[in-house]
Amino acid sequence: MKERNKRMLEATEMDALRRFTRISRLDRVRNEDVRQIMGRADTVIEEIEQRQLSWYVHVQRMTDHRIPKQAMNWIPHHKRKRERPKISWNQGIQKAMSVRSLREGQWEDRRQWRLDIGQRRRTF
């Protein structure tokens, strides 16, 4: 996800939270305080990254002949046009893993992996 898109999502989320709480920007209440009032610890971006990591691990556990795993490991044969290189989805996943100090193969213990990426534990 591009940084510009992340900023736009965060701004939209904060706008919605402020509208729900009826707190204006003119009231000079910090975003952290608005989050605390609404009971929201994670941002939308963090939730997106958690779900991306969850999907990545789900696909990594699949056998090699499954189509989602083949699609994830596929490398296009053509070169990109001349411009700034775009970050691929896999590079974004690797960045999210490095921020959380996660390594390849750590997903074998599913319960620990969910805790490491920040997902809530299921209680059923």
PDB file of N, CA and C in Angstrom:
ATOM      1  N   MET A   1       0.851  -1.170   0.000  1.00  0.00           N
ATOM      2  CA  MET A   1       0.000   0.000   0.000  1.00  0.00           C
ATOM      3  C   MET A   1       0.901   1.238   0.000  1.00  0.00           C
ATOM      4  N   LYS A   2       0.567   2.187  -0.812  1.00  0.00           N
ATOM      5  CA  LYS A   2       1.362   3.407  -0.895  1.00  0.00           C
ATOM      6  C   LYS A   2       1.160   4.263   0.352  1.00  0.00           C
ATOM      7  N   GLU A   3       2.187   5.034   0.685  1.00  0.00           N
ATOM      8  CA  GLU A   3       2.127   5.894   1.869  1.00  0.00           C
ATOM      9  C   GLU A   3       0.994   6.915   1.749  1.00  0.00           C
ATOM     10  N   ARG A   4       0.771   7.414   0.555  1.00  0.00           N
ATOM     11  CA  ARG A   4      -0.312   8.385   0.350  1.00  0.00           C
ATOM     12  C   ARG A   4      -1.667   7.756   0.672  1.00  0.00           C
ATOM     13  N   ASN A   5      -1.859   6.524   0.232  1.00  0.00           N
ATOM     14  CA  ASN A   5      -3.112   5.819   0.520  1.00  0.00           C
ATOM     15  C   ASN A   5      -3.268   5.558   2.013  1.00  0.00           C
ATOM     16  N   LYS A   6      -2.154   5.234   2.679  1.00  0.00           N
ATOM     17  CA  LYS A   6      -2.202   5.019   4.123  1.00  0.00           C
ATOM     18  C   LYS A   6      -2.632   6.292   4.846  1.00  0.00           C
ATOM     19  N   ARG A   7      -2.054   7.427   4.459  1.00  0.00           N
ATOM     20  CA  ARG A   7      -2.412   8.698   5.099  1.00  0.00           C
ATOM     21  C   ARG A   7      -3.878   9.032   4.864  1.00  0.00           C
ATOM     22  N   MET A   8      -4.365   8.780   3.647  1.00  0.00           N
ATOM     23  CA  MET A   8      -5.760   9.070   3.340  1.00  0.00           C
ATOM     24  C   MET A   8      -6.701   8.173   4.153  1.00  0.00           C
ATOM     25  N   LEU A   9      -6.348   6.898   4.299  1.00  0.00           N
ATOM     26  CA  LEU A   9      -7.175   5.993   5.107  1.00  0.00           C
ATOM     27  C   LEU A   9      -7.189   6.415   6.571  1.00  0.00           C
ATOM     28  N   GLU A  10      -6.025   6.777   7.104  1.00  0.00           N
ATOM     29  CA  GLU A  10      -5.960   7.207   8.499  1.00  0.00           C
ATOM     30  C   GLU A  10      -6.771   8.482   8.717  1.00  0.00           C
ATOM     31  N   ALA A  11      -6.699   9.422   7.763  1.00  0.00           N
ATOM     32  CA  ALA A  11      -7.459  10.660   7.892  1.00  0.00           C
ATOM     33  C   ALA A  11      -8.959  10.381   7.848  1.00  0.00           C
ATOM     34  N   THR A  12      -9.369   9.490   6.950  1.00  0.00           N
ATOM     35  CA  THR A  12     -10.788   9.143   6.848  1.00  0.00           C
ATOM     36  C   THR A  12     -11.268   8.451   8.117  1.00  0.00           C
ATOM     37  N   GLU A  13     -10.435   7.563   8.657  1.00  0.00           N
ATOM     38  CA  GLU A  13     -10.804   6.875   9.888  1.00  0.00           C
ATOM     39  C   GLU A  13     -10.965   7.874  11.036  1.00  0.00           C
ATOM     40  N   MET A  14     -10.019   8.801  11.170  1.00  0.00           N
ATOM     41  CA  MET A  14     -10.104   9.778  12.253  1.00  0.00           C
ATOM     42  C   MET A  14     -11.304  10.700  12.069  1.00  0.00           C
ATOM     43  N   ASP A  15     -11.616  11.036  10.824  1.00  0.00           N
ATOM     44  CA  ASP A  15     -12.789  11.863  10.563  1.00  0.00           C
ATOM     45  C   ASP A  15     -14.053  11.137  11.033  1.00  0.00           C
ATOM     46  N   ALA A  16     -14.144   9.834  10.722  1.00  0.00           N
ATOM     47  CA  ALA A  16     -15.311   9.062  11.144  1.00  0.00           C
ATOM     48  C   ALA A  16     -15.382   8.956  12.666  1.00  0.00           C
ATOM     49  N   LEU A  17     -14.243   8.686  13.309  1.00  0.00           N
ATOM     50  CA  LEU A  17     -14.240   8.573  14.771  1.00  0.00           C
ATOM     51  C   LEU A  17     -14.639   9.893  15.422  1.00  0.00           C
ATOM     52  N   ARG A  18     -14.154  10.994  14.878  1.00  0.00           N
ATOM     53  CA  ARG A  18     -14.507  12.305  15.434  1.00  0.00           C
ATOM     54  C   ARG A  18     -15.993  12.596  15.240  1.00  0.00           C
ATOM     55  N   ARG A  19     -16.544  12.206  14.102  1.00  0.00           N
ATOM     56  CA  ARG A  19     -17.973  12.418  13.871  1.00  0.00           C
ATOM     57  C   ARG A  19     -18.817  11.578  14.829  1.00  0.00           C
ATOM     58  N   PHE A  20     -18.379  10.332  15.062  1.00  0.00           N
ATOM     59  CA  PHE A  20     -19.115   9.461  15.993  1.00  0.00           C
ATOM     60  C   PHE A  20     -19.136  10.047  17.391  1.00  0.00           C
ATOM     61  N   THR A  21     -18.011  10.633  17.805  1.00  0.00           N
ATOM     62  CA  THR A  21     -17.911  11.173  19.165  1.00  0.00           C
ATOM     63  C   THR A  21     -18.363  12.629  19.249  1.00  0.00           C
ATOM     64  N   ARG A  22     -18.680  13.220  18.097  1.00  0.00           N
ATOM     65  CA  ARG A  22     -19.091  14.628  18.018  1.00  0.00           C
ATOM     66  C   ARG A  22     -18.026  15.553  18.599  1.00  0.00           C
ATOM     67  N   ILE A  23     -16.762  15.227  18.291  1.00  0.00           N
ATOM     68  CA  ILE A  23     -15.630  16.066  18.701  1.00  0.00           C
ATOM     69  C   ILE A  23     -15.054  16.694  17.445  1.00  0.00           C
ATOM     70  N   SER A  24     -15.042  18.001  17.414  1.00  0.00           N
ATOM     71  CA  SER A  24     -14.533  18.726  16.266  1.00  0.00           C
ATOM     72  C   SER A  24     -13.024  18.909  16.381  1.00  0.00           C
ATOM     73  N   ARG A  25     -12.377  19.189  15.254  1.00  0.00           N
ATOM     74  CA  ARG A  25     -10.953  19.522  15.281  1.00  0.00           C
ATOM     75  C   ARG A  25     -10.738  20.826  16.033  1.00  0.00           C
ATOM     76  N   LEU A  26     -11.742  21.678  16.034  1.00  0.00           N
ATOM     77  CA  LEU A  26     -11.638  22.951  16.744  1.00  0.00           C
ATOM     78  C   LEU A  26     -11.624  22.761  18.261  1.00  0.00           C
ATOM     79  N   ASP A  27     -12.091  21.589  18.730  1.00  0.00           N
ATOM     80  CA  ASP A  27     -12.063  21.295  20.161  1.00  0.00           C
ATOM     81  C   ASP A  27     -10.656  20.962  20.656  1.00  0.00           C
ATOM     82  N   ARG A  28      -9.723  20.771  19.720  1.00  0.00           N
ATOM     83  CA  ARG A  28      -8.312  20.517  20.023  1.00  0.00           C
ATOM     84  C   ARG A  28      -8.112  19.283  20.910  1.00  0.00           C
ATOM     85  N   VAL A  29      -8.806  18.213  20.565  1.00  0.00           N
ATOM     86  CA  VAL A  29      -8.649  16.940  21.263  1.00  0.00           C
ATOM     87  C   VAL A  29      -7.737  16.072  20.405  1.00  0.00           C
ATOM     88  N   ARG A  30      -6.726  15.487  21.029  1.00  0.00           N
ATOM     89  CA  ARG A  30      -5.754  14.669  20.297  1.00  0.00           C
ATOM     90  C   ARG A  30      -6.408  13.412  19.723  1.00  0.00           C
ATOM     91  N   ASN A  31      -5.821  12.936  18.610  1.00  0.00           N
ATOM     92  CA  ASN A  31      -6.326  11.722  17.973  1.00  0.00           C
ATOM     93  C   ASN A  31      -6.273  10.531  18.919  1.00  0.00           C
ATOM     94  N   GLU A  32      -5.201  10.429  19.712  1.00  0.00           N
ATOM     95  CA  GLU A  32      -5.064   9.322  20.658  1.00  0.00           C
ATOM     96  C   GLU A  32      -6.208   9.325  21.668  1.00  0.00           C
ATOM     97  N   ASP A  33      -6.614  10.528  22.098  1.00  0.00           N
ATOM     98  CA  ASP A  33      -7.716  10.631  23.056  1.00  0.00           C
ATOM     99  C   ASP A  33      -9.041  10.217  22.421  1.00  0.00           C
ATOM    100  N   VAL A  34      -9.234  10.588  21.156  1.00  0.00           N
ATOM    101  CA  VAL A  34     -10.459  10.189  20.450  1.00  0.00           C
ATOM    102  C   VAL A  34     -10.488   8.674  20.304  1.00  0.00           C
ATOM    103  N   ARG A  35      -9.344   8.068  19.977  1.00  0.00           N
ATOM    104  CA  ARG A  35      -9.258   6.609  19.874  1.00  0.00           C
ATOM    105  C   ARG A  35      -9.586   5.947  21.204  1.00  0.00           C
ATOM    106  N   GLN A  36      -9.073   6.512  22.281  1.00  0.00           N
ATOM    107  CA  GLN A  36      -9.312   5.952  23.604  1.00  0.00           C
ATOM    108  C   GLN A  36     -10.795   6.040  23.969  1.00  0.00           C
ATOM    109  N   ILE A  37     -11.434   7.146  23.633  1.00  0.00           N
ATOM    110  CA  ILE A  37     -12.859   7.303  23.897  1.00  0.00           C
ATOM    111  C   ILE A  37     -13.665   6.250  23.137  1.00  0.00           C
ATOM    112  N   MET A  38     -13.266   5.988  21.897  1.00  0.00           N
ATOM    113  CA  MET A  38     -13.985   5.015  21.070  1.00  0.00           C
ATOM    114  C   MET A  38     -13.564   3.571  21.353  1.00  0.00           C
ATOM    115  N   GLY A  39     -12.505   3.393  22.124  1.00  0.00           N
ATOM    116  CA  GLY A  39     -12.047   2.044  22.437  1.00  0.00           C
ATOM    117  C   GLY A  39     -11.342   1.375  21.276  1.00  0.00           C
ATOM    118  N   ARG A  40     -10.687   2.154  20.442  1.00  0.00           N
ATOM    119  CA  ARG A  40      -9.972   1.647  19.271  1.00  0.00           C
ATOM    120  C   ARG A  40      -8.471   1.727  19.529  1.00  0.00           C
ATOM    121  N   ALA A  41      -7.828   0.590  19.750  1.00  0.00           N
ATOM    122  CA  ALA A  41      -6.395   0.582  20.005  1.00  0.00           C
ATOM    123  C   ALA A  41      -5.605   0.580  18.699  1.00  0.00           C
ATOM    124  N   ASP A  42      -6.059  -0.175  17.704  1.00  0.00           N
ATOM    125  CA  ASP A  42      -5.343  -0.295  16.438  1.00  0.00           C
ATOM    126  C   ASP A  42      -5.921   0.647  15.396  1.00  0.00           C
ATOM    127  N   THR A  43      -5.056   1.075  14.485  1.00  0.00           N
ATOM    128  CA  THR A  43      -5.519   1.881  13.363  1.00  0.00           C
ATOM    129  C   THR A  43      -5.987   0.954  12.251  1.00  0.00           C
ATOM    130  N   VAL A  44      -6.605   1.527  11.252  1.00  0.00           N
ATOM    131  CA  VAL A  44      -7.064   0.754  10.095  1.00  0.00           C
ATOM    132  C   VAL A  44      -5.867   0.127   9.394  1.00  0.00           C
ATOM    133  N   ILE A  45      -4.769   0.856   9.298  1.00  0.00           N
ATOM    134  CA  ILE A  45      -3.572   0.356   8.621  1.00  0.00           C
ATOM    135  C   ILE A  45      -3.034  -0.877   9.347  1.00  0.00           C
ATOM    136  N   GLU A  46      -2.997  -0.847  10.673  1.00  0.00           N
ATOM    137  CA  GLU A  46      -2.515  -1.994  11.434  1.00  0.00           C
ATOM    138  C   GLU A  46      -3.422  -3.209  11.227  1.00  0.00           C
ATOM    139  N   GLU A  47      -4.719  -2.983  11.170  1.00  0.00           N
ATOM    140  CA  GLU A  47      -5.651  -4.083  10.939  1.00  0.00           C
ATOM    141  C   GLU A  47      -5.462  -4.667   9.539  1.00  0.00           C
ATOM    142  N   ILE A  48      -5.237  -3.810   8.556  1.00  0.00           N
ATOM    143  CA  ILE A  48      -5.001  -4.285   7.188  1.00  0.00           C
ATOM    144  C   ILE A  48      -3.744  -5.139   7.147  1.00  0.00           C
ATOM    145  N   GLU A  49      -2.670  -4.678   7.788  1.00  0.00           N
ATOM    146  CA  GLU A  49      -1.422  -5.437   7.799  1.00  0.00           C
ATOM    147  C   GLU A  49      -1.596  -6.772   8.523  1.00  0.00           C
ATOM    148  N   GLN A  50      -2.343  -6.782   9.613  1.00  0.00           N
ATOM    149  CA  GLN A  50      -2.584  -8.036  10.333  1.00  0.00           C
ATOM    150  C   GLN A  50      -3.307  -9.039   9.438  1.00  0.00           C
ATOM    151  N   ARG A  51      -4.302  -8.578   8.722  1.00  0.00           N
ATOM    152  CA  ARG A  51      -5.060  -9.485   7.857  1.00  0.00           C
ATOM    153  C   ARG A  51      -4.234  -9.924   6.649  1.00  0.00           C
ATOM    154  N   GLN A  52      -3.376  -9.032   6.144  1.00  0.00           N
ATOM    155  CA  GLN A  52      -2.485  -9.428   5.058  1.00  0.00           C
ATOM    156  C   GLN A  52      -1.522 -10.510   5.529  1.00  0.00           C
ATOM    157  N   LEU A  53      -0.959 -10.338   6.726  1.00  0.00           N
ATOM    158  CA  LEU A  53      -0.056 -11.350   7.270  1.00  0.00           C
ATOM    159  C   LEU A  53      -0.784 -12.663   7.508  1.00  0.00           C
ATOM    160  N   SER A  54      -2.007 -12.585   7.963  1.00  0.00           N
ATOM    161  CA  SER A  54      -2.800 -13.789   8.187  1.00  0.00           C
ATOM    162  C   SER A  54      -3.035 -14.524   6.865  1.00  0.00           C
ATOM    163  N   TRP A  55      -3.367 -13.795   5.809  1.00  0.00           N
ATOM    164  CA  TRP A  55      -3.590 -14.410   4.500  1.00  0.00           C
ATOM    165  C   TRP A  55      -2.283 -14.973   3.945  1.00  0.00           C
ATOM    166  N   TYR A  56      -1.191 -14.243   4.102  1.00  0.00           N
ATOM    167  CA  TYR A  56       0.113 -14.686   3.613  1.00  0.00           C
ATOM    168  C   TYR A  56       0.471 -16.032   4.231  1.00  0.00           C
ATOM    169  N   VAL A  57       0.292 -16.171   5.530  1.00  0.00           N
ATOM    170  CA  VAL A  57       0.624 -17.411   6.216  1.00  0.00           C
ATOM    171  C   VAL A  57      -0.322 -18.528   5.787  1.00  0.00           C
ATOM    172  N   HIS A  58      -1.585 -18.198   5.591  1.00  0.00           N
ATOM    173  CA  HIS A  58      -2.556 -19.192   5.130  1.00  0.00           C
ATOM    174  C   HIS A  58      -2.110 -19.771   3.795  1.00  0.00           C
ATOM    175  N   VAL A  59      -1.674 -18.924   2.892  1.00  0.00           N
ATOM    176  CA  VAL A  59      -1.224 -19.380   1.576  1.00  0.00           C
ATOM    177  C   VAL A  59       0.103 -20.133   1.695  1.00  0.00           C
ATOM    178  N   GLN A  60       0.992 -19.690   2.571  1.00  0.00           N
ATOM    179  CA  GLN A  60       2.281 -20.365   2.726  1.00  0.00           C
ATOM    180  C   GLN A  60       2.116 -21.795   3.250  1.00  0.00           C
ATOM    181  N   ARG A  61       1.088 -22.061   4.005  1.00  0.00           N
ATOM    182  CA  ARG A  61       0.845 -23.410   4.527  1.00  0.00           C
ATOM    183  C   ARG A  61       0.280 -24.342   3.458  1.00  0.00           C
ATOM    184  N   MET A  62      -0.195 -23.781   2.348  1.00  0.00           N
ATOM    185  CA  MET A  62      -0.779 -24.605   1.290  1.00  0.00           C
ATOM    186  C   MET A  62       0.304 -25.423   0.584  1.00  0.00           C
ATOM    187  N   THR A  63      -0.143 -26.472  -0.093  1.00  0.00           N
ATOM    188  CA  THR A  63       0.798 -27.258  -0.895  1.00  0.00           C
ATOM    189  C   THR A  63       1.158 -26.474  -2.152  1.00  0.00           C
ATOM    190  N   ASP A  64       2.252 -26.858  -2.783  1.00  0.00           N
ATOM    191  CA  ASP A  64       2.780 -26.088  -3.918  1.00  0.00           C
ATOM    192  C   ASP A  64       1.909 -26.145  -5.165  1.00  0.00           C
ATOM    193  N   HIS A  65       1.056 -27.129  -5.297  1.00  0.00           N
ATOM    194  CA  HIS A  65       0.232 -27.222  -6.502  1.00  0.00           C
ATOM    195  C   HIS A  65      -1.037 -26.371  -6.431  1.00  0.00           C
ATOM    196  N   ARG A  66      -1.334 -25.746  -5.287  1.00  0.00           N
ATOM    197  CA  ARG A  66      -2.529 -24.901  -5.154  1.00  0.00           C
ATOM    198  C   ARG A  66      -2.337 -23.587  -5.908  1.00  0.00           C
ATOM    199  N   ILE A  67      -3.384 -23.093  -6.529  1.00  0.00           N
ATOM    200  CA  ILE A  67      -3.316 -21.897  -7.371  1.00  0.00           C
ATOM    201  C   ILE A  67      -2.950 -20.636  -6.578  1.00  0.00           C
ATOM    202  N   PRO A  68      -3.508 -20.389  -5.379  1.00  0.00           N
ATOM    203  CA  PRO A  68      -3.104 -19.178  -4.662  1.00  0.00           C
ATOM    204  C   PRO A  68      -1.599 -19.135  -4.359  1.00  0.00           C
ATOM    205  N   LYS A  69      -1.016 -20.279  -4.024  1.00  0.00           N
ATOM    206  CA  LYS A  69       0.420 -20.304  -3.738  1.00  0.00           C
ATOM    207  C   LYS A  69       1.223 -20.091  -5.012  1.00  0.00           C
ATOM    208  N   GLN A  70       0.783 -20.671  -6.103  1.00  0.00           N
ATOM    209  CA  GLN A  70       1.469 -20.461  -7.377  1.00  0.00           C
ATOM    210  C   GLN A  70       1.398 -18.994  -7.792  1.00  0.00           C
ATOM    211  N   ALA A  71       0.243 -18.374  -7.588  1.00  0.00           N
ATOM    212  CA  ALA A  71       0.087 -16.964  -7.946  1.00  0.00           C
ATOM    213  C   ALA A  71       0.962 -16.070  -7.068  1.00  0.00           C
ATOM    214  N   MET A  72       1.083 -16.407  -5.793  1.00  0.00           N
ATOM    215  CA  MET A  72       1.898 -15.591  -4.906  1.00  0.00           C
ATOM    216  C   MET A  72       3.380 -15.701  -5.246  1.00  0.00           C
ATOM    217  N   ASN A  73       3.823 -16.857  -5.682  1.00  0.00           N
ATOM    218  CA  ASN A  73       5.230 -17.074  -5.995  1.00  0.00           C
ATOM    219  C   ASN A  73       5.581 -16.736  -7.435  1.00  0.00           C
ATOM    220  N   TRP A  74       4.604 -16.357  -8.247  1.00  0.00           N
ATOM    221  CA  TRP A  74       4.830 -16.070  -9.655  1.00  0.00           C
ATOM    222  C   TRP A  74       5.619 -14.784  -9.833  1.00  0.00           C
ATOM    223  N   ILE A  75       6.569 -14.800 -10.725  1.00  0.00           N
ATOM    224  CA  ILE A  75       7.371 -13.616 -11.041  1.00  0.00           C
ATOM    225  C   ILE A  75       7.144 -13.308 -12.513  1.00  0.00           C
ATOM    226  N   PRO A  76       6.689 -12.089 -12.851  1.00  0.00           N
ATOM    227  CA  PRO A  76       6.437 -11.758 -14.260  1.00  0.00           C
ATOM    228  C   PRO A  76       7.733 -11.750 -15.061  1.00  0.00           C
ATOM    229  N   HIS A  77       7.636 -12.060 -16.347  1.00  0.00           N
ATOM    230  CA  HIS A  77       8.816 -12.156 -17.194  1.00  0.00           C
ATOM    231  C   HIS A  77       9.235 -10.820 -17.790  1.00  0.00           C
ATOM    232  N   HIS A  78       8.331  -9.872 -17.892  1.00  0.00           N
ATOM    233  CA  HIS A  78       8.675  -8.590 -18.486  1.00  0.00           C
ATOM    234  C   HIS A  78       9.224  -7.631 -17.435  1.00  0.00           C
ATOM    235  N   LYS A  79       9.965  -6.640 -17.916  1.00  0.00           N
ATOM    236  CA  LYS A  79      10.513  -5.637 -17.011  1.00  0.00           C
ATOM    237  C   LYS A  79       9.507  -4.505 -16.838  1.00  0.00           C
ATOM    238  N   ARG A  80       9.611  -3.824 -15.713  1.00  0.00           N
ATOM    239  CA  ARG A  80       8.742  -2.665 -15.496  1.00  0.00           C
ATOM    240  C   ARG A  80       9.198  -1.512 -16.383  1.00  0.00           C
ATOM    241  N   LYS A  81       8.271  -0.610 -16.639  1.00  0.00           N
ATOM    242  CA  LYS A  81       8.623   0.578 -17.408  1.00  0.00           C
ATOM    243  C   LYS A  81       9.606   1.431 -16.627  1.00  0.00           C
ATOM    244  N   ARG A  82      10.225   2.346 -17.309  1.00  0.00           N
ATOM    245  CA  ARG A  82      11.242   3.182 -16.705  1.00  0.00           C
ATOM    246  C   ARG A  82      10.595   4.238 -15.822  1.00  0.00           C
ATOM    247  N   GLU A  83      10.684   4.056 -14.529  1.00  0.00           N
ATOM    248  CA  GLU A  83      10.181   4.989 -13.533  1.00  0.00           C
ATOM    249  C   GLU A  83      10.585   4.450 -12.173  1.00  0.00           C
ATOM    250  N   ARG A  84      10.089   5.059 -11.137  1.00  0.00           N
ATOM    251  CA  ARG A  84      10.407   4.579  -9.802  1.00  0.00           C
ATOM    252  C   ARG A  84       9.837   3.180  -9.606  1.00  0.00           C
ATOM    253  N   PRO A  85      10.633   2.237  -9.097  1.00  0.00           N
ATOM    254  CA  PRO A  85      10.116   0.874  -8.925  1.00  0.00           C
ATOM    255  C   PRO A  85       8.958   0.836  -7.935  1.00  0.00           C
ATOM    256  N   LYS A  86       7.950   0.081  -8.275  1.00  0.00           N
ATOM    257  CA  LYS A  86       6.803  -0.066  -7.403  1.00  0.00           C
ATOM    258  C   LYS A  86       7.066  -1.202  -6.410  1.00  0.00           C
ATOM    259  N   ILE A  87       6.560  -1.043  -5.220  1.00  0.00           N
ATOM    260  CA  ILE A  87       6.720  -2.078  -4.202  1.00  0.00           C
ATOM    261  C   ILE A  87       5.661  -3.146  -4.438  1.00  0.00           C
ATOM    262  N   SER A  88       6.077  -4.380  -4.476  1.00  0.00           N
ATOM    263  CA  SER A  88       5.132  -5.474  -4.685  1.00  0.00           C
ATOM    264  C   SER A  88       4.434  -5.817  -3.374  1.00  0.00           C
ATOM    265  N   TRP A  89       3.390  -6.630  -3.480  1.00  0.00           N
ATOM    266  CA  TRP A  89       2.640  -7.044  -2.304  1.00  0.00           C
ATOM    267  C   TRP A  89       3.549  -7.836  -1.371  1.00  0.00           C
ATOM    268  N   ASN A  90       4.381  -8.710  -1.952  1.00  0.00           N
ATOM    269  CA  ASN A  90       5.290  -9.519  -1.132  1.00  0.00           C
ATOM    270  C   ASN A  90       6.311  -8.644  -0.403  1.00  0.00           C
ATOM    271  N   GLN A  91       6.783  -7.595  -1.033  1.00  0.00           N
ATOM    272  CA  GLN A  91       7.720  -6.690  -0.360  1.00  0.00           C
ATOM    273  C   GLN A  91       7.040  -5.979   0.798  1.00  0.00           C
ATOM    274  N   GLY A  92       5.775  -5.631   0.639  1.00  0.00           N
ATOM    275  CA  GLY A  92       5.020  -5.022   1.731  1.00  0.00           C
ATOM    276  C   GLY A  92       4.847  -5.989   2.896  1.00  0.00           C
ATOM    277  N   ILE A  93       4.626  -7.262   2.580  1.00  0.00           N
ATOM    278  CA  ILE A  93       4.497  -8.291   3.616  1.00  0.00           C
ATOM    279  C   ILE A  93       5.823  -8.450   4.352  1.00  0.00           C
ATOM    280  N   GLN A  94       6.921  -8.479   3.597  1.00  0.00           N
ATOM    281  CA  GLN A  94       8.237  -8.626   4.232  1.00  0.00           C
ATOM    282  C   GLN A  94       8.529  -7.439   5.154  1.00  0.00           C
ATOM    283  N   LYS A  95       8.111  -6.252   4.747  1.00  0.00           N
ATOM    284  CA  LYS A  95       8.311  -5.069   5.584  1.00  0.00           C
ATOM    285  C   LYS A  95       7.474  -5.170   6.860  1.00  0.00           C
ATOM    286  N   ALA A  96       6.212  -5.604   6.730  1.00  0.00           N
ATOM    287  CA  ALA A  96       5.344  -5.749   7.903  1.00  0.00           C
ATOM    288  C   ALA A  96       5.887  -6.817   8.852  1.00  0.00           C
ATOM    289  N   MET A  97       6.470  -7.876   8.296  1.00  0.00           N
ATOM    290  CA  MET A  97       7.061  -8.910   9.133  1.00  0.00           C
ATOM    291  C   MET A  97       8.301  -8.396   9.853  1.00  0.00           C
ATOM    292  N   SER A  98       9.119  -7.617   9.165  1.00  0.00           N
ATOM    293  CA  SER A  98      10.346  -7.118   9.801  1.00  0.00           C
ATOM    294  C   SER A  98      10.027  -6.106  10.894  1.00  0.00           C
ATOM    295  N   VAL A  99       8.974  -5.315  10.714  1.00  0.00           N
ATOM    296  CA  VAL A  99       8.575  -4.361  11.751  1.00  0.00           C
ATOM    297  C   VAL A  99       8.148  -5.109  13.018  1.00  0.00           C
ATOM    298  N   ARG A 100       7.511  -6.267  12.834  1.00  0.00           N
ATOM    299  CA  ARG A 100       7.041  -7.055  13.972  1.00  0.00           C
ATOM    300  C   ARG A 100       8.066  -8.096  14.432  1.00  0.00           C
ATOM    301  N   SER A 101       9.276  -8.076  13.847  1.00  0.00           N
ATOM    302  CA  SER A 101      10.365  -9.014  14.179  1.00  0.00           C
ATOM    303  C   SER A 101       9.938 -10.464  13.970  1.00  0.00           C
ATOM    304  N   LEU A 102       9.271 -10.731  12.858  1.00  0.00           N
ATOM    305  CA  LEU A 102       8.831 -12.080  12.524  1.00  0.00           C
ATOM    306  C   LEU A 102       9.753 -12.665  11.458  1.00  0.00           C
ATOM    307  N   ARG A 103       9.916 -13.985  11.484  1.00  0.00           N
ATOM    308  CA  ARG A 103      10.778 -14.665  10.523  1.00  0.00           C
ATOM    309  C   ARG A 103       9.976 -15.700   9.745  1.00  0.00           C
ATOM    310  N   GLU A 104      10.541 -16.083   8.593  1.00  0.00           N
ATOM    311  CA  GLU A 104       9.928 -17.141   7.786  1.00  0.00           C
ATOM    312  C   GLU A 104       9.881 -18.429   8.599  1.00  0.00           C
ATOM    313  N   GLY A 105       8.811 -19.184   8.480  1.00  0.00           N
ATOM    314  CA  GLY A 105       8.678 -20.455   9.156  1.00  0.00           C
ATOM    315  C   GLY A 105       8.153 -20.346  10.577  1.00  0.00           C
ATOM    316  N   GLN A 106       8.040 -19.148  11.086  1.00  0.00           N
ATOM    317  CA  GLN A 106       7.539 -18.960  12.446  1.00  0.00           C
ATOM    318  C   GLN A 106       6.043 -19.236  12.529  1.00  0.00           C
ATOM    319  N   TRP A 107       5.393 -19.344  11.395  1.00  0.00           N
ATOM    320  CA  TRP A 107       3.940 -19.513  11.356  1.00  0.00           C
ATOM    321  C   TRP A 107       3.495 -20.951  11.651  1.00  0.00           C
ATOM    322  N   GLU A 108       4.428 -21.854  11.878  1.00  0.00           N
ATOM    323  CA  GLU A 108       4.050 -23.235  12.168  1.00  0.00           C
ATOM    324  C   GLU A 108       3.213 -23.327  13.445  1.00  0.00           C
ATOM    325  N   ASP A 109       3.535 -22.511  14.440  1.00  0.00           N
ATOM    326  CA  ASP A 109       2.737 -22.450  15.661  1.00  0.00           C
ATOM    327  C   ASP A 109       1.679 -21.365  15.458  1.00  0.00           C
ATOM    328  N   ARG A 110       0.482 -21.760  15.072  1.00  0.00           N
ATOM    329  CA  ARG A 110      -0.563 -20.804  14.683  1.00  0.00           C
ATOM    330  C   ARG A 110      -0.966 -19.871  15.817  1.00  0.00           C
ATOM    331  N   ARG A 111      -1.105 -20.426  17.004  1.00  0.00           N
ATOM    332  CA  ARG A 111      -1.539 -19.613  18.133  1.00  0.00           C
ATOM    333  C   ARG A 111      -0.524 -18.514  18.436  1.00  0.00           C
ATOM    334  N   GLN A 112       0.755 -18.872  18.433  1.00  0.00           N
ATOM    335  CA  GLN A 112       1.805 -17.883  18.695  1.00  0.00           C
ATOM    336  C   GLN A 112       1.874 -16.861  17.566  1.00  0.00           C
ATOM    337  N   TRP A 113       1.664 -17.312  16.325  1.00  0.00           N
ATOM    338  CA  TRP A 113       1.713 -16.404  15.182  1.00  0.00           C
ATOM    339  C   TRP A 113       0.614 -15.344  15.298  1.00  0.00           C
ATOM    340  N   ARG A 114      -0.582 -15.767  15.684  1.00  0.00           N
ATOM    341  CA  ARG A 114      -1.679 -14.801  15.845  1.00  0.00           C
ATOM    342  C   ARG A 114      -1.326 -13.764  16.899  1.00  0.00           C
ATOM    343  N   LEU A 115      -0.714 -14.203  17.979  1.00  0.00           N
ATOM    344  CA  LEU A 115      -0.309 -13.256  19.019  1.00  0.00           C
ATOM    345  C   LEU A 115       0.795 -12.334  18.514  1.00  0.00           C
ATOM    346  N   ASP A 116       1.723 -12.870  17.726  1.00  0.00           N
ATOM    347  CA  ASP A 116       2.840 -12.066  17.228  1.00  0.00           C
ATOM    348  C   ASP A 116       2.395 -10.994  16.240  1.00  0.00           C
ATOM    349  N   ILE A 117       1.395 -11.302  15.408  1.00  0.00           N
ATOM    350  CA  ILE A 117       0.948 -10.287  14.452  1.00  0.00           C
ATOM    351  C   ILE A 117      -0.059  -9.336  15.069  1.00  0.00           C
ATOM    352  N   GLY A 118      -0.522  -9.651  16.272  1.00  0.00           N
ATOM    353  CA  GLY A 118      -1.391  -8.717  16.975  1.00  0.00           C
ATOM    354  C   GLY A 118      -2.863  -9.030  16.873  1.00  0.00           C
ATOM    355  N   GLN A 119      -3.220 -10.190  16.340  1.00  0.00           N
ATOM    356  CA  GLN A 119      -4.636 -10.546  16.276  1.00  0.00           C
ATOM    357  C   GLN A 119      -5.114 -11.012  17.625  1.00  0.00           C
ATOM    358  N   ARG A 120      -6.374 -10.811  17.855  1.00  0.00           N
ATOM    359  CA  ARG A 120      -6.959 -11.285  19.117  1.00  0.00           C
ATOM    360  C   ARG A 120      -7.076 -12.794  19.095  1.00  0.00           C
ATOM    361  N   ARG A 121      -7.017 -13.361  20.249  1.00  0.00           N
ATOM    362  CA  ARG A 121      -7.160 -14.803  20.395  1.00  0.00           C
ATOM    363  C   ARG A 121      -8.637 -15.186  20.277  1.00  0.00           C
ATOM    364  N   ARG A 122      -8.917 -16.232  19.563  1.00  0.00           N
ATOM    365  CA  ARG A 122     -10.294 -16.692  19.432  1.00  0.00           C
ATOM    366  C   ARG A 122     -10.686 -17.444  20.690  1.00  0.00           C
ATOM    367  N   THR A 123     -11.916 -17.226  21.136  1.00  0.00           N
ATOM    368  CA  THR A 123     -12.346 -17.830  22.398  1.00  0.00           C
ATOM    369  C   THR A 123     -13.354 -18.946  22.211  1.00  0.00           C
ATOM    370  N   PHE A 124     -13.635 -19.353  20.995  1.00  0.00           N
ATOM    371  CA  PHE A 124     -14.637 -20.415  20.835  1.00  0.00           C
ATOM    372  C   PHE A 124     -14.003 -21.749  20.622  1.00  0.00           C
TER     373      PHE A 124
END
